[in-house]
PDB file of all heavy atoms in Angstrom:
ATOM      1  N   THR A   1       8.064 -21.202 -18.904  1.00  0.00           N
ATOM      2  CA  THR A   1       9.224 -20.543 -18.442  1.00  0.00           C
ATOM      3  C   THR A   1       9.285 -19.048 -19.093  1.00  0.00           C
ATOM      4  O   THR A   1       8.908 -18.925 -20.151  1.00  0.00           O
ATOM      5  CB  THR A   1      10.506 -21.305 -18.926  1.00  0.00           C
ATOM      6  OG1 THR A   1      10.403 -22.687 -18.318  1.00  0.00           O
ATOM      7  CG2 THR A   1      11.795 -20.619 -18.454  1.00  0.00           C
ATOM      8  N   LEU A   2       9.814 -18.138 -18.287  1.00  0.00           N
ATOM      9  CA  LEU A   2      10.049 -16.795 -18.704  1.00  0.00           C
ATOM     10  C   LEU A   2      11.557 -16.457 -18.600  1.00  0.00           C
ATOM     11  O   LEU A   2      12.097 -16.631 -17.575  1.00  0.00           O
ATOM     12  CB  LEU A   2       9.340 -15.835 -17.850  1.00  0.00           C
ATOM     13  CG  LEU A   2       9.421 -14.298 -18.071  1.00  0.00           C
ATOM     14  CD1 LEU A   2       8.743 -14.015 -19.390  1.00  0.00           C
ATOM     15  CD2 LEU A   2       8.801 -13.563 -16.880  1.00  0.00           C
ATOM     16  N   ILE A   3      12.085 -16.155 -19.727  1.00  0.00           N
ATOM     17  CA  ILE A   3      13.511 -15.592 -19.800  1.00  0.00           C
ATOM     18  C   ILE A   3      13.454 -14.055 -19.686  1.00  0.00           C
ATOM     19  O   ILE A   3      13.012 -13.392 -20.589  1.00  0.00           O
ATOM     20  CB  ILE A   3      14.300 -16.072 -20.979  1.00  0.00           C
ATOM     21  CG1 ILE A   3      14.278 -17.640 -20.993  1.00  0.00           C
ATOM     22  CG2 ILE A   3      15.680 -15.483 -21.045  1.00  0.00           C
ATOM     23  CD1 ILE A   3      15.050 -18.255 -22.115  1.00  0.00           C
ATOM     24  N   ALA A   4      13.911 -13.543 -18.523  1.00  0.00           N
ATOM     25  CA  ALA A   4      13.727 -12.172 -18.356  1.00  0.00           C
ATOM     26  C   ALA A   4      15.068 -11.366 -18.341  1.00  0.00           C
ATOM     27  O   ALA A   4      16.139 -11.983 -18.380  1.00  0.00           O
ATOM     28  CB  ALA A   4      13.166 -11.946 -16.921  1.00  0.00           C
ATOM     29  N   GLY A   5      14.985 -10.087 -18.370  1.00  0.00           N
ATOM     30  CA  GLY A   5      16.197  -9.215 -18.308  1.00  0.00           C
ATOM     31  C   GLY A   5      16.645  -9.066 -16.914  1.00  0.00           C
ATOM     32  O   GLY A   5      16.127  -9.646 -15.920  1.00  0.00           O
ATOM     33  N   ALA A   6      17.648  -8.214 -16.764  1.00  0.00           N
ATOM     34  CA  ALA A   6      18.269  -8.073 -15.418  1.00  0.00           C
ATOM     35  C   ALA A   6      17.434  -7.413 -14.472  1.00  0.00           C
ATOM     36  O   ALA A   6      16.601  -6.529 -14.863  1.00  0.00           O
ATOM     37  CB  ALA A   6      19.652  -7.231 -15.577  1.00  0.00           C
ATOM     38  N   ASN A   7      17.571  -7.706 -13.180  1.00  0.00           N
ATOM     39  CA  ASN A   7      16.843  -7.077 -12.069  1.00  0.00           C
ATOM     40  C   ASN A   7      15.245  -7.281 -12.142  1.00  0.00           C
ATOM     41  O   ASN A   7      14.506  -6.440 -11.771  1.00  0.00           O
ATOM     42  CB  ASN A   7      17.126  -5.592 -11.999  1.00  0.00           C
ATOM     43  CG  ASN A   7      17.009  -5.013 -10.622  1.00  0.00           C
ATOM     44  OD1 ASN A   7      17.083  -5.718  -9.675  1.00  0.00           O
ATOM     45  ND2 ASN A   7      16.721  -3.715 -10.540  1.00  0.00           N
ATOM     46  N   PHE A   8      14.935  -8.361 -12.707  1.00  0.00           N
ATOM     47  CA  PHE A   8      13.468  -8.703 -12.808  1.00  0.00           C
ATOM     48  C   PHE A   8      12.806  -8.859 -11.399  1.00  0.00           C
ATOM     49  O   PHE A   8      13.423  -9.438 -10.507  1.00  0.00           O
ATOM     50  CB  PHE A   8      13.276 -10.086 -13.596  1.00  0.00           C
ATOM     51  CG  PHE A   8      11.767 -10.299 -13.790  1.00  0.00           C
ATOM     52  CD1 PHE A   8      11.135  -9.800 -14.878  1.00  0.00           C
ATOM     53  CD2 PHE A   8      11.124 -11.106 -12.941  1.00  0.00           C
ATOM     54  CE1 PHE A   8       9.800 -10.233 -15.045  1.00  0.00           C
ATOM     55  CE2 PHE A   8       9.829 -11.539 -13.067  1.00  0.00           C
ATOM     56  CZ  PHE A   8       9.149 -10.967 -14.177  1.00  0.00           C
ATOM     57  N   GLY A   9      11.626  -8.181 -11.277  1.00  0.00           N
ATOM     58  CA  GLY A   9      10.939  -8.307  -9.995  1.00  0.00           C
ATOM     59  C   GLY A   9      11.454  -7.277  -8.999  1.00  0.00           C
ATOM     60  O   GLY A   9      11.207  -7.473  -7.792  1.00  0.00           O
ATOM     61  N   CYS A  10      12.055  -6.185  -9.447  1.00  0.00           N
ATOM     62  CA  CYS A  10      12.494  -5.253  -8.496  1.00  0.00           C
ATOM     63  C   CYS A  10      11.343  -4.430  -8.001  1.00  0.00           C
ATOM     64  O   CYS A  10      10.242  -4.698  -8.464  1.00  0.00           O
ATOM     65  CB  CYS A  10      13.533  -4.286  -9.096  1.00  0.00           C
ATOM     66  SG  CYS A  10      12.986  -3.507 -10.630  1.00  0.00           S
ATOM     67  N   GLY A  11      11.587  -3.461  -7.069  1.00  0.00           N
ATOM     68  CA  GLY A  11      10.418  -2.704  -6.494  1.00  0.00           C
ATOM     69  C   GLY A  11       9.934  -3.387  -5.218  1.00  0.00           C
ATOM     70  O   GLY A  11      10.583  -4.038  -4.523  1.00  0.00           O
ATOM     71  N   SER A  12       8.696  -3.063  -4.945  1.00  0.00           N
ATOM     72  CA  SER A  12       8.165  -3.527  -3.653  1.00  0.00           C
ATOM     73  C   SER A  12       7.912  -5.020  -3.730  1.00  0.00           C
ATOM     74  O   SER A  12       7.535  -5.551  -4.741  1.00  0.00           O
ATOM     75  CB  SER A  12       6.762  -2.829  -3.362  1.00  0.00           C
ATOM     76  OG  SER A  12       5.801  -3.015  -4.322  1.00  0.00           O
ATOM     77  N   SER A  13       7.970  -5.640  -2.482  1.00  0.00           N
ATOM     78  CA  SER A  13       7.642  -7.079  -2.454  1.00  0.00           C
ATOM     79  C   SER A  13       6.103  -7.209  -2.586  1.00  0.00           C
ATOM     80  O   SER A  13       5.394  -6.604  -1.864  1.00  0.00           O
ATOM     81  CB  SER A  13       8.110  -7.615  -1.087  1.00  0.00           C
ATOM     82  OG  SER A  13       7.761  -9.008  -1.031  1.00  0.00           O
ATOM     83  N   ARG A  14       5.641  -8.042  -3.454  1.00  0.00           N
ATOM     84  CA  ARG A  14       4.223  -8.148  -3.820  1.00  0.00           C
ATOM     85  C   ARG A  14       3.851  -9.586  -4.178  1.00  0.00           C
ATOM     86  O   ARG A  14       4.131 -10.090  -5.227  1.00  0.00           O
ATOM     87  CB  ARG A  14       3.946  -7.214  -4.909  1.00  0.00           C
ATOM     88  CG  ARG A  14       2.498  -7.011  -5.233  1.00  0.00           C
ATOM     89  CD  ARG A  14       2.208  -5.904  -6.202  1.00  0.00           C
ATOM     90  NE  ARG A  14       2.589  -4.618  -5.646  1.00  0.00           N
ATOM     91  CZ  ARG A  14       2.534  -3.424  -6.263  1.00  0.00           C
ATOM     92  NH1 ARG A  14       2.229  -3.459  -7.508  1.00  0.00           N
ATOM     93  NH2 ARG A  14       2.937  -2.330  -5.659  1.00  0.00           N
ATOM     94  N   GLU A  15       3.228 -10.290  -3.234  1.00  0.00           N
ATOM     95  CA  GLU A  15       2.778 -11.659  -3.451  1.00  0.00           C
ATOM     96  C   GLU A  15       1.843 -11.753  -4.694  1.00  0.00           C
ATOM     97  O   GLU A  15       1.896 -12.780  -5.447  1.00  0.00           O
ATOM     98  CB  GLU A  15       2.120 -12.179  -2.191  1.00  0.00           C
ATOM     99  CG  GLU A  15       1.773 -13.707  -2.370  1.00  0.00           C
ATOM    100  CD  GLU A  15       2.967 -14.660  -2.627  1.00  0.00           C
ATOM    101  OE1 GLU A  15       4.023 -14.241  -2.122  1.00  0.00           O
ATOM    102  OE2 GLU A  15       2.659 -15.700  -3.097  1.00  0.00           O
ATOM    103  N   PRO A  16       0.899 -10.836  -4.890  1.00  0.00           N
ATOM    104  CA  PRO A  16       0.095 -10.858  -6.082  1.00  0.00           C
ATOM    105  C   PRO A  16       0.853 -10.869  -7.394  1.00  0.00           C
ATOM    106  O   PRO A  16       0.354 -11.398  -8.426  1.00  0.00           O
ATOM    107  CB  PRO A  16      -0.898  -9.735  -5.974  1.00  0.00           C
ATOM    108  CG  PRO A  16      -0.979  -9.483  -4.520  1.00  0.00           C
ATOM    109  CD  PRO A  16       0.415  -9.773  -3.969  1.00  0.00           C
ATOM    110  N   ALA A  17       1.996 -10.328  -7.384  1.00  0.00           N
ATOM    111  CA  ALA A  17       2.828 -10.369  -8.621  1.00  0.00           C
ATOM    112  C   ALA A  17       3.223 -11.816  -8.974  1.00  0.00           C
ATOM    113  O   ALA A  17       3.199 -12.299 -10.108  1.00  0.00           O
ATOM    114  CB  ALA A  17       4.114  -9.553  -8.373  1.00  0.00           C
ATOM    115  N   VAL A  18       3.535 -12.585  -7.971  1.00  0.00           N
ATOM    116  CA  VAL A  18       3.840 -14.006  -8.110  1.00  0.00           C
ATOM    117  C   VAL A  18       2.642 -14.781  -8.603  1.00  0.00           C
ATOM    118  O   VAL A  18       2.693 -15.596  -9.569  1.00  0.00           O
ATOM    119  CB  VAL A  18       4.367 -14.646  -6.857  1.00  0.00           C
ATOM    120  CG1 VAL A  18       4.574 -16.175  -7.025  1.00  0.00           C
ATOM    121  CG2 VAL A  18       5.666 -13.980  -6.346  1.00  0.00           C
ATOM    122  N   ARG A  19       1.466 -14.490  -7.988  1.00  0.00           N
ATOM    123  CA  ARG A  19       0.181 -15.053  -8.359  1.00  0.00           C
ATOM    124  C   ARG A  19      -0.213 -14.727  -9.827  1.00  0.00           C
ATOM    125  O   ARG A  19      -0.677 -15.694 -10.527  1.00  0.00           O
ATOM    126  CB  ARG A  19      -0.829 -14.807  -7.456  1.00  0.00           C
ATOM    127  CG  ARG A  19      -0.704 -15.262  -6.072  1.00  0.00           C
ATOM    128  CD  ARG A  19      -2.066 -15.212  -5.228  1.00  0.00           C
ATOM    129  NE  ARG A  19      -1.840 -15.777  -3.927  1.00  0.00           N
ATOM    130  CZ  ARG A  19      -1.654 -15.127  -2.749  1.00  0.00           C
ATOM    131  NH1 ARG A  19      -1.492 -13.894  -2.861  1.00  0.00           N
ATOM    132  NH2 ARG A  19      -1.500 -15.681  -1.658  1.00  0.00           N
ATOM    133  N   ALA A  20      -0.025 -13.476 -10.218  1.00  0.00           N
ATOM    134  CA  ALA A  20      -0.351 -13.169 -11.531  1.00  0.00           C
ATOM    135  C   ALA A  20       0.516 -13.836 -12.595  1.00  0.00           C
ATOM    136  O   ALA A  20       0.096 -14.320 -13.628  1.00  0.00           O
ATOM    137  CB  ALA A  20      -0.203 -11.615 -11.789  1.00  0.00           C
ATOM    138  N   ILE A  21       1.864 -13.938 -12.304  1.00  0.00           N
ATOM    139  CA  ILE A  21       2.733 -14.690 -13.176  1.00  0.00           C
ATOM    140  C   ILE A  21       2.317 -16.196 -13.315  1.00  0.00           C
ATOM    141  O   ILE A  21       2.199 -16.686 -14.411  1.00  0.00           O
ATOM    142  CB  ILE A  21       4.183 -14.542 -12.748  1.00  0.00           C
ATOM    143  CG1 ILE A  21       4.626 -13.048 -12.847  1.00  0.00           C
ATOM    144  CG2 ILE A  21       5.070 -15.435 -13.602  1.00  0.00           C
ATOM    145  CD1 ILE A  21       6.013 -12.831 -12.219  1.00  0.00           C
ATOM    146  N   ALA A  22       2.049 -16.739 -12.174  1.00  0.00           N
ATOM    147  CA  ALA A  22       1.685 -18.144 -12.120  1.00  0.00           C
ATOM    148  C   ALA A  22       0.286 -18.348 -12.861  1.00  0.00           C
ATOM    149  O   ALA A  22       0.121 -19.402 -13.543  1.00  0.00           O
ATOM    150  CB  ALA A  22       1.499 -18.624 -10.604  1.00  0.00           C
ATOM    151  N   GLY A  23      -0.523 -17.308 -12.827  1.00  0.00           N
ATOM    152  CA  GLY A  23      -1.819 -17.390 -13.463  1.00  0.00           C
ATOM    153  C   GLY A  23      -1.636 -17.482 -15.009  1.00  0.00           C
ATOM    154  O   GLY A  23      -2.513 -18.121 -15.748  1.00  0.00           O
ATOM    155  N   LEU A  24      -0.482 -17.056 -15.542  1.00  0.00           N
ATOM    156  CA  LEU A  24      -0.203 -17.173 -16.934  1.00  0.00           C
ATOM    157  C   LEU A  24       0.275 -18.498 -17.286  1.00  0.00           C
ATOM    158  O   LEU A  24       0.486 -18.825 -18.447  1.00  0.00           O
ATOM    159  CB  LEU A  24       0.739 -16.126 -17.406  1.00  0.00           C
ATOM    160  CG  LEU A  24       0.357 -14.713 -17.325  1.00  0.00           C
ATOM    161  CD1 LEU A  24       1.485 -13.722 -17.605  1.00  0.00           C
ATOM    162  CD2 LEU A  24      -0.774 -14.358 -18.179  1.00  0.00           C
ATOM    163  N   GLY A  25       0.630 -19.410 -16.268  1.00  0.00           N
ATOM    164  CA  GLY A  25       1.115 -20.725 -16.507  1.00  0.00           C
ATOM    165  C   GLY A  25       2.681 -20.729 -16.378  1.00  0.00           C
ATOM    166  O   GLY A  25       3.253 -21.803 -16.646  1.00  0.00           O
ATOM    167  N   ILE A  26       3.243 -19.617 -15.963  1.00  0.00           N
ATOM    168  CA  ILE A  26       4.680 -19.592 -15.863  1.00  0.00           C
ATOM    169  C   ILE A  26       5.092 -20.223 -14.525  1.00  0.00           C
ATOM    170  O   ILE A  26       4.602 -19.837 -13.431  1.00  0.00           O
ATOM    171  CB  ILE A  26       5.240 -18.199 -15.931  1.00  0.00           C
ATOM    172  CG1 ILE A  26       4.926 -17.533 -17.329  1.00  0.00           C
ATOM    173  CG2 ILE A  26       6.709 -18.060 -15.668  1.00  0.00           C
ATOM    174  CD1 ILE A  26       5.183 -16.065 -17.420  1.00  0.00           C
ATOM    175  N   ARG A  27       6.075 -21.160 -14.568  1.00  0.00           N
ATOM    176  CA  ARG A  27       6.478 -21.759 -13.316  1.00  0.00           C
ATOM    177  C   ARG A  27       8.008 -21.468 -13.060  1.00  0.00           C
ATOM    178  O   ARG A  27       8.482 -21.805 -11.899  1.00  0.00           O
ATOM    179  CB  ARG A  27       6.287 -23.298 -13.393  1.00  0.00           C
ATOM    180  CG  ARG A  27       4.833 -23.735 -13.616  1.00  0.00           C
ATOM    181  CD  ARG A  27       3.910 -23.179 -12.605  1.00  0.00           C
ATOM    182  NE  ARG A  27       4.363 -23.257 -11.116  1.00  0.00           N
ATOM    183  CZ  ARG A  27       4.194 -24.383 -10.452  1.00  0.00           C
ATOM    184  NH1 ARG A  27       3.676 -25.436 -10.942  1.00  0.00           N
ATOM    185  NH2 ARG A  27       4.658 -24.422  -9.129  1.00  0.00           N
ATOM    186  N   CYS A  28       8.737 -21.057 -13.962  1.00  0.00           N
ATOM    187  CA  CYS A  28      10.182 -20.757 -13.737  1.00  0.00           C
ATOM    188  C   CYS A  28      10.581 -19.471 -14.514  1.00  0.00           C
ATOM    189  O   CYS A  28      10.020 -19.091 -15.550  1.00  0.00           O
ATOM    190  CB  CYS A  28      10.941 -21.896 -14.352  1.00  0.00           C
ATOM    191  SG  CYS A  28      12.751 -21.722 -14.227  1.00  0.00           S
ATOM    192  N   ILE A  29      11.418 -18.722 -13.747  1.00  0.00           N
ATOM    193  CA  ILE A  29      11.959 -17.436 -14.336  1.00  0.00           C
ATOM    194  C   ILE A  29      13.559 -17.600 -14.413  1.00  0.00           C
ATOM    195  O   ILE A  29      14.142 -17.941 -13.381  1.00  0.00           O
ATOM    196  CB  ILE A  29      11.649 -16.251 -13.449  1.00  0.00           C
ATOM    197  CG1 ILE A  29      10.111 -16.100 -13.405  1.00  0.00           C
ATOM    198  CG2 ILE A  29      12.329 -15.012 -14.052  1.00  0.00           C
ATOM    199  CD1 ILE A  29       9.719 -15.053 -12.381  1.00  0.00           C
ATOM    200  N   ILE A  30      14.073 -17.310 -15.592  1.00  0.00           N
ATOM    201  CA  ILE A  30      15.474 -17.325 -15.806  1.00  0.00           C
ATOM    202  C   ILE A  30      15.871 -15.904 -16.049  1.00  0.00           C
ATOM    203  O   ILE A  30      15.388 -15.278 -17.051  1.00  0.00           O
ATOM    204  CB  ILE A  30      15.910 -18.220 -17.005  1.00  0.00           C
ATOM    205  CG1 ILE A  30      15.462 -19.714 -16.672  1.00  0.00           C
ATOM    206  CG2 ILE A  30      17.372 -18.176 -17.275  1.00  0.00           C
ATOM    207  CD1 ILE A  30      15.694 -20.696 -17.839  1.00  0.00           C
TER     208      ILE A  30
END
């Protein structure tokens, strides 16, 4: 799990961003 700050994931829509996060073992973002 990743506890993030406000407006996390802003900017361009990018599927590799999801894959990179998942590659770290993260399954949930709060």
